[in-house]
């Protein structure tokens, strides 16, 4: 099954803006992890970007997951890019 990487950008006031949506965001990620679609995801230390690795049948599935996430819907994530990834090692 293909793997995909996602690079996303956070809003400037990420700590304040994410607070009311954080639990719903984490719950959704836990469901994706349990379904073996999400391999890993997390922010950069400076909280300007996030990086995720997914495994799914197609890119559209990943985009749907990202765009249904409370962080995307509420402007915590402001931009993202998805690329199919070839895991060499």
N, C-alpha and C. Protein backbone atom coordinates (compact mmCIF):
# COMPACT_ATOMS: atom_id res chain seq x y z
N UNK A 1 0.85 -1.18 0.00
CA UNK A 1 0.00 0.00 0.00
C UNK A 1 0.90 1.24 0.00
N UNK A 2 0.53 2.26 -0.77
CA UNK A 2 1.35 3.47 -0.85
C UNK A 2 1.43 4.21 0.49
N UNK A 3 2.56 4.88 0.68
CA UNK A 3 2.76 5.74 1.85
C UNK A 3 2.83 7.18 1.37
N UNK A 4 2.39 8.07 2.23
CA UNK A 4 2.34 9.49 1.92
C UNK A 4 2.91 10.29 3.08
N UNK A 5 3.61 11.38 2.73
CA UNK A 5 4.05 12.30 3.76
C UNK A 5 3.22 13.57 3.65
N UNK A 6 3.03 14.20 4.78
CA UNK A 6 2.30 15.45 4.84
C UNK A 6 3.15 16.46 5.58
N UNK A 7 3.37 17.63 4.98
CA UNK A 7 3.96 18.77 5.66
C UNK A 7 2.86 19.80 5.79
N UNK A 8 2.63 20.26 7.00
CA UNK A 8 1.61 21.27 7.23
C UNK A 8 2.21 22.48 7.94
N UNK A 9 1.51 23.59 7.84
CA UNK A 9 1.94 24.83 8.48
C UNK A 9 0.92 25.22 9.53
N UNK A 10 1.43 25.63 10.69
CA UNK A 10 0.57 26.10 11.78
C UNK A 10 0.35 27.60 11.68
N UNK A 11 -0.75 28.06 12.26
CA UNK A 11 -1.02 29.48 12.37
C UNK A 11 -0.02 30.11 13.36
N UNK A 12 0.06 31.43 13.37
CA UNK A 12 1.01 32.11 14.24
C UNK A 12 0.72 31.92 15.72
N UNK A 13 -0.53 31.92 16.12
CA UNK A 13 -0.91 31.80 17.53
C UNK A 13 -1.39 30.38 17.84
N UNK A 14 -0.61 29.39 17.44
CA UNK A 14 -1.01 27.99 17.49
C UNK A 14 -1.40 27.53 18.90
N UNK A 15 -0.67 27.89 19.92
CA UNK A 15 -0.97 27.40 21.27
C UNK A 15 -2.34 27.85 21.74
N UNK A 16 -2.69 29.09 21.48
CA UNK A 16 -4.00 29.60 21.89
C UNK A 16 -5.11 29.06 21.00
N UNK A 17 -4.85 29.04 19.71
CA UNK A 17 -5.90 28.66 18.76
C UNK A 17 -6.23 27.17 18.81
N UNK A 18 -5.24 26.33 19.11
CA UNK A 18 -5.49 24.89 19.11
C UNK A 18 -6.20 24.40 20.37
N UNK A 19 -6.10 25.15 21.44
CA UNK A 19 -6.59 24.69 22.75
C UNK A 19 -8.02 24.13 22.72
N UNK A 20 -9.00 24.84 22.17
CA UNK A 20 -10.36 24.30 22.20
C UNK A 20 -10.59 23.10 21.27
N UNK A 21 -9.66 22.84 20.38
CA UNK A 21 -9.83 21.77 19.39
C UNK A 21 -8.87 20.60 19.60
N UNK A 22 -7.99 20.73 20.57
CA UNK A 22 -6.91 19.77 20.74
C UNK A 22 -7.40 18.35 21.02
N UNK A 23 -8.35 18.19 21.93
CA UNK A 23 -8.80 16.84 22.28
C UNK A 23 -9.48 16.15 21.10
N UNK A 24 -10.31 16.87 20.37
CA UNK A 24 -10.96 16.28 19.19
C UNK A 24 -9.91 15.92 18.14
N UNK A 25 -8.89 16.76 17.99
CA UNK A 25 -7.79 16.48 17.06
C UNK A 25 -7.07 15.20 17.47
N UNK A 26 -6.69 15.09 18.74
CA UNK A 26 -5.97 13.91 19.22
C UNK A 26 -6.82 12.65 19.14
N UNK A 27 -8.11 12.77 19.42
CA UNK A 27 -9.01 11.61 19.31
C UNK A 27 -9.08 11.11 17.87
N UNK A 28 -9.17 12.04 16.92
CA UNK A 28 -9.20 11.65 15.52
C UNK A 28 -7.91 10.98 15.08
N UNK A 29 -6.78 11.51 15.54
CA UNK A 29 -5.49 10.90 15.21
C UNK A 29 -5.39 9.50 15.79
N UNK A 30 -5.90 9.32 17.01
CA UNK A 30 -5.88 7.99 17.63
C UNK A 30 -6.70 6.99 16.81
N UNK A 31 -7.83 7.43 16.28
CA UNK A 31 -8.65 6.57 15.43
C UNK A 31 -7.92 6.21 14.13
N UNK A 32 -7.23 7.19 13.55
CA UNK A 32 -6.46 6.93 12.33
C UNK A 32 -5.32 5.96 12.62
N UNK A 33 -4.69 6.11 13.76
CA UNK A 33 -3.59 5.22 14.15
C UNK A 33 -4.12 3.80 14.36
N UNK A 34 -5.26 3.67 15.04
CA UNK A 34 -5.86 2.36 15.28
C UNK A 34 -6.26 1.68 13.97
N UNK A 35 -6.65 2.48 12.99
CA UNK A 35 -7.03 1.93 11.68
C UNK A 35 -5.81 1.68 10.78
N UNK A 36 -4.62 1.95 11.30
CA UNK A 36 -3.35 1.74 10.59
C UNK A 36 -3.21 2.62 9.34
N UNK A 37 -3.90 3.76 9.33
CA UNK A 37 -3.74 4.72 8.24
C UNK A 37 -2.63 5.72 8.61
N UNK A 38 -2.62 6.14 9.85
CA UNK A 38 -1.61 7.08 10.33
C UNK A 38 -0.46 6.30 10.94
N UNK A 39 0.74 6.55 10.43
CA UNK A 39 1.93 5.92 10.99
C UNK A 39 2.49 6.78 12.10
N UNK A 40 2.68 8.06 11.82
CA UNK A 40 3.17 9.00 12.83
C UNK A 40 2.86 10.41 12.40
N UNK A 41 2.76 11.31 13.36
CA UNK A 41 2.53 12.73 13.07
C UNK A 41 3.00 13.53 14.27
N UNK A 42 3.45 14.73 14.01
CA UNK A 42 3.85 15.60 15.11
C UNK A 42 4.36 16.94 14.61
N UNK A 43 4.48 17.89 15.55
CA UNK A 43 4.93 19.23 15.19
C UNK A 43 6.45 19.34 15.20
N UNK A 44 6.95 20.34 14.49
CA UNK A 44 8.35 20.69 14.65
C UNK A 44 8.50 21.36 16.01
N UNK A 45 9.70 21.34 16.56
CA UNK A 45 9.92 21.88 17.90
C UNK A 45 9.50 23.34 18.02
N UNK A 46 9.69 24.10 16.94
CA UNK A 46 9.32 25.53 16.99
C UNK A 46 7.83 25.78 16.72
N UNK A 47 7.06 24.72 16.58
CA UNK A 47 5.60 24.79 16.36
C UNK A 47 5.20 25.62 15.14
N UNK A 48 6.02 25.56 14.10
CA UNK A 48 5.64 26.25 12.87
C UNK A 48 5.10 25.30 11.81
N UNK A 49 5.49 24.02 11.91
CA UNK A 49 5.06 23.04 10.92
C UNK A 49 4.74 21.71 11.60
N UNK A 50 4.04 20.86 10.87
CA UNK A 50 3.82 19.49 11.33
C UNK A 50 4.20 18.55 10.20
N UNK A 51 4.52 17.33 10.57
CA UNK A 51 4.95 16.32 9.62
C UNK A 51 4.22 15.03 9.95
N UNK A 52 3.69 14.37 8.95
CA UNK A 52 3.01 13.11 9.17
C UNK A 52 3.34 12.10 8.09
N UNK A 53 3.25 10.83 8.45
CA UNK A 53 3.40 9.73 7.50
C UNK A 53 2.12 8.90 7.58
N UNK A 54 1.54 8.66 6.43
CA UNK A 54 0.29 7.92 6.31
C UNK A 54 0.48 6.74 5.35
N UNK A 55 -0.42 5.78 5.46
CA UNK A 55 -0.47 4.66 4.53
C UNK A 55 -1.92 4.46 4.12
N UNK A 56 -2.18 4.58 2.82
CA UNK A 56 -3.56 4.49 2.34
C UNK A 56 -3.56 4.10 0.86
N UNK A 57 -4.73 3.78 0.36
CA UNK A 57 -4.86 3.38 -1.04
C UNK A 57 -4.54 4.52 -2.01
N UNK A 58 -4.86 5.76 -1.59
CA UNK A 58 -4.64 6.87 -2.51
C UNK A 58 -4.49 8.19 -1.75
N UNK A 59 -3.99 9.19 -2.46
CA UNK A 59 -3.76 10.51 -1.88
C UNK A 59 -5.06 11.18 -1.46
N UNK A 60 -6.13 10.94 -2.17
CA UNK A 60 -7.41 11.54 -1.84
C UNK A 60 -7.86 11.16 -0.43
N UNK A 61 -7.58 9.95 -0.02
CA UNK A 61 -7.93 9.50 1.34
C UNK A 61 -7.19 10.34 2.37
N UNK A 62 -5.92 10.60 2.14
CA UNK A 62 -5.12 11.39 3.07
C UNK A 62 -5.63 12.82 3.12
N UNK A 63 -5.91 13.39 1.98
CA UNK A 63 -6.43 14.77 1.94
C UNK A 63 -7.77 14.87 2.67
N UNK A 64 -8.60 13.86 2.54
CA UNK A 64 -9.89 13.88 3.25
C UNK A 64 -9.68 13.84 4.75
N UNK A 65 -8.73 13.03 5.22
CA UNK A 65 -8.43 12.96 6.65
C UNK A 65 -7.92 14.31 7.17
N UNK A 66 -7.02 14.92 6.44
CA UNK A 66 -6.46 16.21 6.85
C UNK A 66 -7.55 17.28 6.87
N UNK A 67 -8.34 17.33 5.84
CA UNK A 67 -9.34 18.39 5.74
C UNK A 67 -10.54 18.20 6.66
N UNK A 68 -10.70 17.00 7.21
CA UNK A 68 -11.77 16.78 8.19
C UNK A 68 -11.25 16.94 9.62
N UNK A 69 -9.96 17.16 9.78
CA UNK A 69 -9.36 17.34 11.10
C UNK A 69 -9.78 18.70 11.68
N UNK A 70 -10.10 18.76 12.98
CA UNK A 70 -10.47 20.03 13.60
C UNK A 70 -9.39 21.12 13.46
N UNK A 71 -8.13 20.73 13.39
CA UNK A 71 -7.08 21.73 13.22
C UNK A 71 -7.19 22.41 11.86
N UNK A 72 -7.51 21.66 10.81
CA UNK A 72 -7.68 22.26 9.49
C UNK A 72 -8.96 23.09 9.45
N UNK A 73 -10.04 22.52 9.95
CA UNK A 73 -11.34 23.18 9.88
C UNK A 73 -11.40 24.47 10.69
N UNK A 74 -10.53 24.60 11.68
CA UNK A 74 -10.55 25.79 12.53
C UNK A 74 -9.32 26.68 12.38
N UNK A 75 -8.56 26.48 11.31
CA UNK A 75 -7.46 27.38 10.99
C UNK A 75 -6.20 27.22 11.82
N UNK A 76 -6.08 26.12 12.55
CA UNK A 76 -4.84 25.86 13.29
C UNK A 76 -3.76 25.45 12.29
N UNK A 77 -4.12 24.56 11.38
CA UNK A 77 -3.27 24.27 10.22
C UNK A 77 -3.70 25.24 9.13
N UNK A 78 -2.75 25.92 8.53
CA UNK A 78 -3.10 26.93 7.53
C UNK A 78 -2.78 26.50 6.10
N UNK A 79 -1.96 25.50 5.95
CA UNK A 79 -1.57 25.02 4.64
C UNK A 79 -1.01 23.62 4.80
N UNK A 80 -1.08 22.82 3.76
CA UNK A 80 -0.46 21.50 3.82
C UNK A 80 -0.11 21.03 2.41
N UNK A 81 0.80 20.08 2.37
CA UNK A 81 1.21 19.46 1.12
C UNK A 81 1.32 17.96 1.36
N UNK A 82 0.85 17.17 0.42
CA UNK A 82 0.93 15.72 0.50
C UNK A 82 1.73 15.21 -0.70
N UNK A 83 2.65 14.32 -0.43
CA UNK A 83 3.45 13.70 -1.48
C UNK A 83 3.50 12.20 -1.25
N UNK A 84 3.39 11.43 -2.33
CA UNK A 84 3.60 9.99 -2.19
C UNK A 84 5.08 9.77 -1.88
N UNK A 85 5.35 8.85 -0.97
CA UNK A 85 6.69 8.65 -0.43
C UNK A 85 7.13 7.22 -0.70
N UNK A 86 8.36 7.06 -1.12
CA UNK A 86 8.94 5.74 -1.32
C UNK A 86 9.90 5.49 -0.16
N UNK A 87 9.56 4.55 0.68
CA UNK A 87 10.41 4.22 1.82
C UNK A 87 11.53 3.31 1.33
N UNK A 88 12.73 3.84 1.29
CA UNK A 88 13.87 3.09 0.76
C UNK A 88 14.43 2.11 1.79
N UNK A 89 14.46 2.52 3.03
CA UNK A 89 15.02 1.65 4.10
C UNK A 89 14.07 1.70 5.28
